[in-house]
Amino acid sequence: MGIRILVADNHGILRQGLQALIEKQSDMEVVGQADNGLEAVEMTRQLQPDVVLMDVTMPVLNGIEATRRIKRELPEVKILALSVHSKREFILDMVKSGASGYMLKECVLDDLVRAINTVAAGQTYLSPQVAGIVLEDITKDSIFAVGERANGILTPRERDILKFLVDGKSAKQIASELDLGIKTIEANRRGILEKTDSNNLADLTKYAIRQGLATV
């Protein structure tokens, strides 16, 4: 099965153009189009795509808040921001909200296809123009709150699950790796988020890096 994609953008001609280009790829399918952030949230609930291409500035509900709601309800759905904005605040707000990638609309098709494949595989993709901004803030520790040492607040099982989470593994994949039930993994994930004072996968990734459980 190919990658199922929802396109969220308030410009109809851009949505249609993106669908036409994306569906030239044999392993990708656009399953829906949303013209505002609230519709993007509702359609994601209904269609459960693998990746949402999310514009940042949209009517009714902006892409930042839409991303936050989607990741809270459906954490396994990947969000790839596609925006004209290269301003620091837009980029960092999308990352903090749980986006797995950020692309500028000036990108070429090959870059977009590469980005979709990358985030669908559970990894992060940033346009070269925005990567420096994100890395600088990670270095300064201004995106992510730093808690106590992981060894002090997480159990050995939680540390193992955390490593899988930051590698982009789904609850089903982690359950298979650790021979545990999916509900157990989901319960542990909620516990890890609470213990580390994290809101999303981006927070957990930074936390894991700080604790030596993952590398940049």
C-alpha atoms as a PDB file:
ATOM      1  CA  MET A   1       0.000   0.000   0.000  1.00  0.00           C
ATOM      2  CA  GLY A   2       1.274   3.461  -0.877  1.00  0.00           C
ATOM      3  CA  ILE A   3       1.539   6.553   1.304  1.00  0.00           C
ATOM      4  CA  ARG A   4      -1.879   8.101   1.926  1.00  0.00           C
ATOM      5  CA  ILE A   5      -1.767  11.895   1.954  1.00  0.00           C
ATOM      6  CA  LEU A   6      -4.164  14.664   2.967  1.00  0.00           C
ATOM      7  CA  VAL A   7      -3.472  18.104   1.457  1.00  0.00           C
ATOM      8  CA  ALA A   8      -4.504  21.067   3.636  1.00  0.00           C
ATOM      9  CA  ASP A   9      -4.240  24.494   2.006  1.00  0.00           C
ATOM     10  CA  ASN A  10      -6.730  27.311   1.520  1.00  0.00           C
ATOM     11  CA  HIS A  11      -5.754  27.832  -2.119  1.00  0.00           C
ATOM     12  CA  GLY A  12      -7.743  25.422  -4.288  1.00  0.00           C
ATOM     13  CA  ILE A  13      -5.489  25.666  -7.320  1.00  0.00           C
ATOM     14  CA  LEU A  14      -2.472  24.770  -5.181  1.00  0.00           C
ATOM     15  CA  ARG A  15      -4.252  21.787  -3.636  1.00  0.00           C
ATOM     16  CA  GLN A  16      -5.228  20.504  -7.070  1.00  0.00           C
ATOM     17  CA  GLY A  17      -1.746  21.053  -8.427  1.00  0.00           C
ATOM     18  CA  LEU A  18      -0.169  19.226  -5.503  1.00  0.00           C
ATOM     19  CA  GLN A  19      -2.559  16.309  -5.932  1.00  0.00           C
ATOM     20  CA  ALA A  20      -1.771  16.040  -9.635  1.00  0.00           C
ATOM     21  CA  LEU A  21       1.978  16.092  -8.993  1.00  0.00           C
ATOM     22  CA  ILE A  22       1.911  13.745  -6.012  1.00  0.00           C
ATOM     23  CA  GLU A  23      -0.242  11.159  -7.747  1.00  0.00           C
ATOM     24  CA  LYS A  24       2.340  10.847 -10.507  1.00  0.00           C
ATOM     25  CA  GLN A  25       4.281   8.891  -7.896  1.00  0.00           C
ATOM     26  CA  SER A  26       3.319   5.240  -8.056  1.00  0.00           C
ATOM     27  CA  ASP A  27       3.523   4.807  -4.284  1.00  0.00           C
ATOM     28  CA  MET A  28       1.546   7.893  -3.196  1.00  0.00           C
ATOM     29  CA  GLU A  29      -2.159   8.702  -3.082  1.00  0.00           C
ATOM     30  CA  VAL A  30      -3.975  11.902  -2.118  1.00  0.00           C
ATOM     31  CA  VAL A  31      -7.013  10.769  -0.137  1.00  0.00           C
ATOM     32  CA  GLY A  32      -8.490  14.207   0.534  1.00  0.00           C
ATOM     33  CA  GLN A  33      -8.184  17.985   0.401  1.00  0.00           C
ATOM     34  CA  ALA A  34      -8.965  20.463   3.186  1.00  0.00           C
ATOM     35  CA  ASP A  35      -9.257  24.209   2.689  1.00  0.00           C
ATOM     36  CA  ASN A  36      -8.863  25.259   6.341  1.00  0.00           C
ATOM     37  CA  GLY A  37      -7.316  23.978   9.537  1.00  0.00           C
ATOM     38  CA  LEU A  38     -10.518  22.808  11.172  1.00  0.00           C
ATOM     39  CA  GLU A  39     -11.462  20.804   8.098  1.00  0.00           C
ATOM     40  CA  ALA A  40      -7.960  19.314   8.115  1.00  0.00           C
ATOM     41  CA  VAL A  41      -8.482  18.072  11.681  1.00  0.00           C
ATOM     42  CA  GLU A  42     -11.915  16.616  10.886  1.00  0.00           C
ATOM     43  CA  MET A  43     -10.757  14.942   7.665  1.00  0.00           C
ATOM     44  CA  THR A  44      -7.717  13.491   9.405  1.00  0.00           C
ATOM     45  CA  ARG A  45     -10.024  11.891  11.970  1.00  0.00           C
ATOM     46  CA  GLN A  46     -12.174  10.420   9.209  1.00  0.00           C
ATOM     47  CA  LEU A  47      -9.506   9.364   6.702  1.00  0.00           C
ATOM     48  CA  GLN A  48      -6.489   8.728   8.986  1.00  0.00           C
ATOM     49  CA  PRO A  49      -3.881   9.466   6.302  1.00  0.00           C
ATOM     50  CA  ASP A  50      -0.223   8.623   6.764  1.00  0.00           C
ATOM     51  CA  VAL A  51       0.901  12.196   6.078  1.00  0.00           C
ATOM     52  CA  VAL A  52      -0.828  15.577   6.192  1.00  0.00           C
ATOM     53  CA  LEU A  53       0.665  18.317   4.025  1.00  0.00           C
ATOM     54  CA  MET A  54      -0.205  21.300   6.191  1.00  0.00           C
ATOM     55  CA  ASP A  55      -0.169  24.963   5.250  1.00  0.00           C
ATOM     56  CA  VAL A  56       0.705  27.181   8.224  1.00  0.00           C
ATOM     57  CA  THR A  57      -1.646  30.122   7.679  1.00  0.00           C
ATOM     58  CA  MET A  58      -5.232  29.067   6.929  1.00  0.00           C
ATOM     59  CA  PRO A  59      -8.682  30.427   7.844  1.00  0.00           C
ATOM     60  CA  VAL A  60     -10.953  29.129  10.631  1.00  0.00           C
ATOM     61  CA  LEU A  61      -8.033  27.324  12.306  1.00  0.00           C
ATOM     62  CA  ASN A  62      -4.369  27.865  11.467  1.00  0.00           C
ATOM     63  CA  GLY A  63      -1.996  25.044  10.622  1.00  0.00           C
ATOM     64  CA  ILE A  64      -0.150  25.299  13.927  1.00  0.00           C
ATOM     65  CA  GLU A  65      -3.244  24.673  16.046  1.00  0.00           C
ATOM     66  CA  ALA A  66      -4.520  22.082  13.575  1.00  0.00           C
ATOM     67  CA  THR A  67      -1.219  20.215  13.886  1.00  0.00           C
ATOM     68  CA  ARG A  68      -1.418  20.356  17.674  1.00  0.00           C
ATOM     69  CA  ARG A  69      -4.936  18.874  17.679  1.00  0.00           C
ATOM     70  CA  ILE A  70      -4.094  16.139  15.187  1.00  0.00           C
ATOM     71  CA  LYS A  71      -0.970  15.037  17.056  1.00  0.00           C
ATOM     72  CA  ARG A  72      -2.870  15.003  20.347  1.00  0.00           C
ATOM     73  CA  GLU A  73      -5.611  12.766  18.951  1.00  0.00           C
ATOM     74  CA  LEU A  74      -3.708  10.787  16.304  1.00  0.00           C
ATOM     75  CA  PRO A  75      -0.008  10.849  17.222  1.00  0.00           C
ATOM     76  CA  GLU A  76       0.955   8.359  14.524  1.00  0.00           C
ATOM     77  CA  VAL A  77      -0.181  10.684  11.699  1.00  0.00           C
ATOM     78  CA  LYS A  78       2.819  12.603  10.356  1.00  0.00           C
ATOM     79  CA  ILE A  79       2.544  16.315   9.643  1.00  0.00           C
ATOM     80  CA  LEU A  80       4.679  17.965   6.963  1.00  0.00           C
ATOM     81  CA  ALA A  81       4.379  21.759   6.937  1.00  0.00           C
ATOM     82  CA  LEU A  82       4.384  23.305   3.463  1.00  0.00           C
ATOM     83  CA  SER A  83       4.489  27.067   3.725  1.00  0.00           C
ATOM     84  CA  VAL A  84       5.646  30.326   2.160  1.00  0.00           C
ATOM     85  CA  HIS A  85       6.792  31.458   5.613  1.00  0.00           C
ATOM     86  CA  SER A  86      10.445  31.138   6.570  1.00  0.00           C
ATOM     87  CA  LYS A  87      10.087  33.267   9.702  1.00  0.00           C
ATOM     88  CA  ARG A  88      11.517  31.808  12.872  1.00  0.00           C
ATOM     89  CA  GLU A  89       8.263  31.911  14.866  1.00  0.00           C
ATOM     90  CA  PHE A  90       6.261  29.966  12.272  1.00  0.00           C
ATOM     91  CA  ILE A  91       8.918  27.278  11.944  1.00  0.00           C
ATOM     92  CA  LEU A  92       9.449  26.775  15.665  1.00  0.00           C
ATOM     93  CA  ASP A  93       5.723  26.848  16.459  1.00  0.00           C
ATOM     94  CA  MET A  94       5.112  24.087  13.901  1.00  0.00           C
ATOM     95  CA  VAL A  95       7.958  21.990  15.300  1.00  0.00           C
ATOM     96  CA  LYS A  96       6.729  22.471  18.865  1.00  0.00           C
ATOM     97  CA  SER A  97       3.217  21.509  17.776  1.00  0.00           C
ATOM     98  CA  GLY A  98       4.481  18.163  16.510  1.00  0.00           C
ATOM     99  CA  ALA A  99       5.257  18.599  12.808  1.00  0.00           C
ATOM    100  CA  SER A 100       7.789  16.074  11.518  1.00  0.00           C
ATOM    101  CA  GLY A 101       8.992  18.368   8.755  1.00  0.00           C
ATOM    102  CA  TYR A 102       8.903  21.882   7.342  1.00  0.00           C
ATOM    103  CA  MET A 103       9.161  22.681   3.642  1.00  0.00           C
ATOM    104  CA  LEU A 104       8.998  25.994   1.822  1.00  0.00           C
ATOM    105  CA  LYS A 105       6.605  26.219  -1.130  1.00  0.00           C
ATOM    106  CA  GLU A 106       9.477  27.257  -3.351  1.00  0.00           C
ATOM    107  CA  CYS A 107      10.757  23.668  -3.178  1.00  0.00           C
ATOM    108  CA  VAL A 108      10.901  21.463  -6.264  1.00  0.00           C
ATOM    109  CA  LEU A 109       8.849  18.285  -6.656  1.00  0.00           C
ATOM    110  CA  ASP A 110      11.789  15.952  -6.032  1.00  0.00           C
ATOM    111  CA  ASP A 111      12.406  17.613  -2.656  1.00  0.00           C
ATOM    112  CA  LEU A 112       8.741  17.366  -1.715  1.00  0.00           C
ATOM    113  CA  VAL A 113       8.585  13.678  -2.623  1.00  0.00           C
ATOM    114  CA  ARG A 114      11.735  13.051  -0.601  1.00  0.00           C
ATOM    115  CA  ALA A 115      10.248  14.922   2.356  1.00  0.00           C
ATOM    116  CA  ILE A 116       6.993  12.944   2.236  1.00  0.00           C
ATOM    117  CA  ASN A 117       8.870   9.642   2.136  1.00  0.00           C
ATOM    118  CA  THR A 118      11.110  10.765   4.996  1.00  0.00           C
ATOM    119  CA  VAL A 119       8.362  11.808   7.413  1.00  0.00           C
ATOM    120  CA  ALA A 120       6.219   8.805   6.474  1.00  0.00           C
ATOM    121  CA  ALA A 121       9.147   6.641   7.577  1.00  0.00           C
ATOM    122  CA  GLY A 122       9.114   8.324  10.986  1.00  0.00           C
ATOM    123  CA  GLN A 123      12.050  10.661  10.409  1.00  0.00           C
ATOM    124  CA  THR A 124      12.377  14.443  10.285  1.00  0.00           C
ATOM    125  CA  TYR A 125      12.793  16.528   7.140  1.00  0.00           C
ATOM    126  CA  LEU A 126      13.612  20.235   7.091  1.00  0.00           C
ATOM    127  CA  SER A 127      14.281  22.461   4.106  1.00  0.00           C
ATOM    128  CA  PRO A 128      17.910  23.620   4.133  1.00  0.00           C
ATOM    129  CA  GLN A 129      16.606  27.188   4.532  1.00  0.00           C
ATOM    130  CA  VAL A 130      14.924  26.352   7.859  1.00  0.00           C
ATOM    131  CA  ALA A 131      17.130  23.582   9.276  1.00  0.00           C
ATOM    132  CA  GLY A 132      19.597  26.038  10.769  1.00  0.00           C
ATOM    133  CA  ILE A 133      16.853  27.816  12.701  1.00  0.00           C
ATOM    134  CA  VAL A 134      15.598  24.596  14.277  1.00  0.00           C
ATOM    135  CA  LEU A 135      19.076  23.296  15.109  1.00  0.00           C
ATOM    136  CA  GLU A 136      20.055  26.601  16.666  1.00  0.00           C
ATOM    137  CA  ASP A 137      17.043  26.519  18.956  1.00  0.00           C
ATOM    138  CA  ILE A 138      17.661  22.900  19.892  1.00  0.00           C
ATOM    139  CA  THR A 139      21.223  23.795  20.815  1.00  0.00           C
ATOM    140  CA  LYS A 140      20.021  26.700  22.924  1.00  0.00           C
ATOM    141  CA  ASP A 141      17.392  24.447  24.486  1.00  0.00           C
ATOM    142  CA  SER A 142      14.681  27.020  23.828  1.00  0.00           C
ATOM    143  CA  ILE A 143      12.170  24.632  22.250  1.00  0.00           C
ATOM    144  CA  PHE A 144      12.199  21.796  24.727  1.00  0.00           C
ATOM    145  CA  ALA A 145      11.903  21.716  28.492  1.00  0.00           C
ATOM    146  CA  VAL A 146      14.619  19.685  30.158  1.00  0.00           C
ATOM    147  CA  GLY A 147      13.544  17.521  33.072  1.00  0.00           C
ATOM    148  CA  GLU A 148      15.518  15.410  35.468  1.00  0.00           C
ATOM    149  CA  ARG A 149      17.875  12.708  34.317  1.00  0.00           C
ATOM    150  CA  ALA A 150      15.959   9.963  32.489  1.00  0.00           C
ATOM    151  CA  ASN A 151      17.597   7.286  34.599  1.00  0.00           C
ATOM    152  CA  GLY A 152      16.013   8.880  37.653  1.00  0.00           C
ATOM    153  CA  ILE A 153      12.409   9.231  36.503  1.00  0.00           C
ATOM    154  CA  LEU A 154      11.848   6.620  33.793  1.00  0.00           C
ATOM    155  CA  THR A 155      11.696   2.887  34.352  1.00  0.00           C
ATOM    156  CA  PRO A 156      13.892   0.611  32.203  1.00  0.00           C
ATOM    157  CA  ARG A 157      10.813  -0.338  30.135  1.00  0.00           C
ATOM    158  CA  GLU A 158       9.920   3.322  29.628  1.00  0.00           C
ATOM    159  CA  ARG A 159      13.482   4.101  28.498  1.00  0.00           C
ATOM    160  CA  ASP A 160      13.271   1.279  25.942  1.00  0.00           C
ATOM    161  CA  ILE A 161       9.917   2.523  24.681  1.00  0.00           C
ATOM    162  CA  LEU A 162      11.235   6.092  24.517  1.00  0.00           C
ATOM    163  CA  LYS A 163      14.094   4.970  22.259  1.00  0.00           C
ATOM    164  CA  PHE A 164      11.632   3.314  19.884  1.00  0.00           C
ATOM    165  CA  LEU A 165       9.345   6.362  19.913  1.00  0.00           C
ATOM    166  CA  VAL A 166      12.088   8.774  18.899  1.00  0.00           C
ATOM    167  CA  ASP A 167      13.068   6.341  16.137  1.00  0.00           C
ATOM    168  CA  GLY A 168       9.575   6.842  14.713  1.00  0.00           C
ATOM    169  CA  LYS A 169       8.223   3.392  15.592  1.00  0.00           C
ATOM    170  CA  SER A 170       4.456   2.994  15.893  1.00  0.00           C
ATOM    171  CA  ALA A 171       2.773   1.533  18.971  1.00  0.00           C
ATOM    172  CA  LYS A 172       2.117  -1.667  17.004  1.00  0.00           C
ATOM    173  CA  GLN A 173       5.771  -1.964  15.985  1.00  0.00           C
ATOM    174  CA  ILE A 174       7.001  -1.320  19.529  1.00  0.00           C
ATOM    175  CA  ALA A 175       4.563  -3.870  20.932  1.00  0.00           C
ATOM    176  CA  SER A 176       5.926  -6.452  18.508  1.00  0.00           C
ATOM    177  CA  GLU A 177       9.558  -5.619  19.329  1.00  0.00           C
ATOM    178  CA  LEU A 178       9.026  -5.816  23.097  1.00  0.00           C
ATOM    179  CA  ASP A 179       6.413  -8.592  23.064  1.00  0.00           C
ATOM    180  CA  LEU A 180       3.868  -6.392  24.826  1.00  0.00           C
ATOM    181  CA  GLY A 181       0.276  -5.368  24.134  1.00  0.00           C
ATOM    182  CA  ILE A 182      -0.486  -2.225  22.148  1.00  0.00           C
ATOM    183  CA  LYS A 183      -2.532  -0.839  25.049  1.00  0.00           C
ATOM    184  CA  THR A 184       0.467  -1.313  27.332  1.00  0.00           C
ATOM    185  CA  ILE A 185       2.670   0.635  24.923  1.00  0.00           C
ATOM    186  CA  GLU A 186       0.110   3.434  24.650  1.00  0.00           C
ATOM    187  CA  ALA A 187      -0.223   3.629  28.432  1.00  0.00           C
ATOM    188  CA  ASN A 188       3.558   3.789  28.815  1.00  0.00           C
ATOM    189  CA  ARG A 189       3.741   6.494  26.145  1.00  0.00           C
ATOM    190  CA  ARG A 190       1.285   8.636  28.084  1.00  0.00           C
ATOM    191  CA  GLY A 191       3.305   8.060  31.242  1.00  0.00           C
ATOM    192  CA  ILE A 192       6.545   9.044  29.513  1.00  0.00           C
ATOM    193  CA  LEU A 193       4.988  12.258  28.190  1.00  0.00           C
ATOM    194  CA  GLU A 194       3.783  13.150  31.686  1.00  0.00           C
ATOM    195  CA  LYS A 195       7.023  12.266  33.485  1.00  0.00           C
ATOM    196  CA  THR A 196       9.204  14.190  31.044  1.00  0.00           C
ATOM    197  CA  ASP A 197       6.826  17.161  30.845  1.00  0.00           C
ATOM    198  CA  SER A 198       6.541  16.647  27.093  1.00  0.00           C
ATOM    199  CA  ASN A 199       3.662  17.441  24.749  1.00  0.00           C
ATOM    200  CA  ASN A 200       4.695  15.662  21.553  1.00  0.00           C
ATOM    201  CA  LEU A 201       7.306  13.552  19.787  1.00  0.00           C
ATOM    202  CA  ALA A 202       9.523  16.569  19.175  1.00  0.00           C
ATOM    203  CA  ASP A 203       9.695  17.217  22.936  1.00  0.00           C
ATOM    204  CA  LEU A 204      10.502  13.553  23.571  1.00  0.00           C
ATOM    205  CA  THR A 205      13.246  13.575  20.940  1.00  0.00           C
ATOM    206  CA  LYS A 206      14.978  16.523  22.552  1.00  0.00           C
ATOM    207  CA  TYR A 207      14.591  14.955  25.972  1.00  0.00           C
ATOM    208  CA  ALA A 208      16.105  11.683  24.734  1.00  0.00           C
ATOM    209  CA  ILE A 209      19.052  13.545  23.194  1.00  0.00           C
ATOM    210  CA  ARG A 210      19.708  15.393  26.433  1.00  0.00           C
ATOM    211  CA  GLN A 211      19.637  12.145  28.405  1.00  0.00           C
ATOM    212  CA  GLY A 212      21.939  10.291  26.019  1.00  0.00           C
ATOM    213  CA  LEU A 213      19.194   7.935  24.842  1.00  0.00           C
ATOM    214  CA  ALA A 214      19.298   9.219  21.254  1.00  0.00           C
ATOM    215  CA  THR A 215      21.608  11.162  18.972  1.00  0.00           C
ATOM    216  CA  VAL A 216      20.960  14.117  16.691  1.00  0.00           C
END
